[in-house]
Amino acid sequence: MNPCPQCKAEIIGRSDKKYCSVHCKSAHQYQKRKSEETLYYSIDKQLKTNRKILKAYNKSGLSTIRKEKLILEGFNPKYFTHYWKNKENKVYLFCYEYGFLDLKDKFILVTWQKYMD
């Protein structure tokens, strides 16, 4: 039998089977497409980077930080997953559950709350 291209385990089953499991097939296809650097994966990568940075600087659920500091770490405010507008019509942009309000030279960082639904 042939080894699985993802985990190198022995493949059991049909003779034309290429992967040992659905998980390995999915992981292999993800890695293959990720290496192609398509638009989807470059956006996905930036969103994950933004989320990671926002999470690191927003331990309390509400923080203020200088804009330059986040941008130097790789944060790009043009990439976000959704937005929320408060009663004062200020628009908070979110990367998954972590959000930010873009002020002149700083960001106000927040975490998604139930009342924002």
Protein backbone atom coordinates (compact mmCIF):
# COMPACT_ATOMS: atom_id res chain seq x y z
CA MET A 1 0.00 0.00 0.00
CA ASN A 2 1.01 3.62 -0.52
CA PRO A 3 1.72 5.96 2.39
CA CYS A 4 -0.57 8.93 3.09
CA PRO A 5 1.00 12.10 1.60
CA GLN A 6 0.07 14.08 4.74
CA CYS A 7 0.94 11.87 7.73
CA LYS A 8 2.88 9.05 6.01
CA ALA A 9 0.64 6.39 7.63
CA GLU A 10 -0.28 3.25 5.71
CA ILE A 11 -3.50 3.65 3.73
CA ILE A 12 -6.08 0.94 4.38
CA GLY A 13 -9.00 0.47 2.01
CA ARG A 14 -9.53 0.81 -1.71
CA SER A 15 -6.51 0.50 -3.97
CA ASP A 16 -7.07 3.99 -5.46
CA LYS A 17 -7.45 5.71 -2.07
CA LYS A 18 -4.94 8.59 -1.70
CA TYR A 19 -5.31 9.65 1.96
CA CYS A 20 -5.73 7.68 5.18
CA SER A 21 -8.56 9.94 6.45
CA VAL A 22 -10.74 12.91 5.57
CA HIS A 23 -8.73 14.98 8.05
CA CYS A 24 -5.45 14.23 6.22
CA LYS A 25 -7.04 15.00 2.85
CA SER A 26 -8.33 18.35 4.10
CA ALA A 27 -5.03 19.27 5.80
CA HIS A 28 -3.04 18.36 2.69
CA GLN A 29 -5.30 20.40 0.40
CA TYR A 30 -5.12 23.36 2.81
CA GLN A 31 -1.31 23.26 2.83
CA LYS A 32 -1.19 22.90 -0.95
CA ARG A 33 -3.43 25.89 -1.56
CA LYS A 34 -1.75 27.91 1.17
CA SER A 35 1.58 27.54 -0.61
CA GLU A 36 0.00 28.92 -3.78
CA GLU A 37 -0.60 32.23 -1.93
CA THR A 38 -4.00 32.93 -3.42
CA LEU A 39 -5.88 36.08 -2.53
CA TYR A 40 -8.08 34.14 -0.10
CA TYR A 41 -5.11 32.83 1.90
CA SER A 42 -3.30 36.16 1.98
CA ILE A 43 -6.46 37.80 3.39
CA ASP A 44 -6.96 34.92 5.83
CA LYS A 45 -3.36 35.24 6.99
CA GLN A 46 -3.71 39.00 7.59
CA LEU A 47 -6.99 38.55 9.49
CA LYS A 48 -5.37 35.96 11.75
CA THR A 49 -2.39 38.26 12.31
CA ASN A 50 -4.71 41.16 13.18
CA ARG A 51 -6.68 38.97 15.61
CA LYS A 52 -3.51 37.74 17.29
CA ILE A 53 -2.19 41.29 17.77
CA LEU A 54 -5.52 42.64 19.05
CA LYS A 55 -5.81 39.73 21.49
CA ALA A 56 -2.27 40.30 22.80
CA TYR A 57 -2.88 43.99 23.55
CA ASN A 58 -6.45 43.71 24.83
CA LYS A 59 -6.19 41.64 28.02
CA SER A 60 -8.81 43.61 29.97
CA GLY A 61 -11.53 43.85 27.29
CA LEU A 62 -11.05 47.61 26.84
CA SER A 63 -7.65 49.17 26.11
CA THR A 64 -6.12 52.15 24.36
CA ILE A 65 -2.89 51.87 22.39
CA ARG A 66 -0.90 54.00 19.98
CA LYS A 67 -1.61 53.20 16.35
CA GLU A 68 2.08 53.03 15.38
CA LYS A 69 2.79 50.26 17.87
CA LEU A 70 0.23 47.89 16.34
CA ILE A 71 1.17 48.72 12.76
CA LEU A 72 4.87 48.05 13.47
CA GLU A 73 3.89 44.54 14.62
CA GLY A 74 2.11 43.82 11.33
CA PHE A 75 -1.43 44.99 12.11
CA ASN A 76 -3.34 46.25 9.05
CA PRO A 77 -6.58 48.12 9.90
CA LYS A 78 -7.90 47.66 6.35
CA TYR A 79 -8.60 43.98 7.09
CA PHE A 80 -11.54 43.16 9.36
CA THR A 81 -14.37 40.61 9.51
CA HIS A 82 -17.30 42.79 10.56
CA TYR A 83 -18.21 46.09 12.20
CA TRP A 84 -20.46 47.48 14.92
CA LYS A 85 -21.83 51.02 15.20
CA ASN A 86 -22.57 52.39 18.68
CA LYS A 87 -25.19 54.98 19.68
CA GLU A 88 -22.79 57.86 18.94
CA ASN A 89 -22.33 56.47 15.37
CA LYS A 90 -18.73 55.46 16.04
CA VAL A 91 -17.81 52.43 13.96
CA TYR A 92 -15.82 49.65 15.64
CA LEU A 93 -14.12 47.26 13.23
CA PHE A 94 -13.66 43.65 14.35
CA CYS A 95 -11.29 40.81 13.56
CA TYR A 96 -13.44 37.96 14.78
CA GLU A 97 -14.18 38.75 18.47
CA TYR A 98 -11.56 41.50 18.93
CA GLY A 99 -12.36 45.00 17.74
CA PHE A 100 -10.87 48.45 17.47
CA LEU A 101 -12.04 52.02 17.06
CA ASP A 102 -9.70 54.00 14.82
CA LEU A 103 -9.01 57.43 16.32
CA LYS A 104 -6.49 59.91 14.98
CA ASP A 105 -3.27 58.50 16.44
CA LYS A 106 -4.53 55.63 18.60
CA PHE A 107 -6.85 52.64 18.67
CA ILE A 108 -9.40 51.82 21.33
CA LEU A 109 -9.45 48.03 21.62
CA VAL A 110 -12.59 46.17 22.66
CA THR A 111 -13.89 42.62 22.87
CA TRP A 112 -17.24 41.61 21.35
CA GLN A 113 -20.07 41.74 23.92
CA LYS A 114 -23.59 40.26 23.84
CA TYR A 115 -25.24 43.69 23.70
CA MET A 116 -23.50 44.29 20.34
CA ASP A 117 -25.63 41.64 18.58
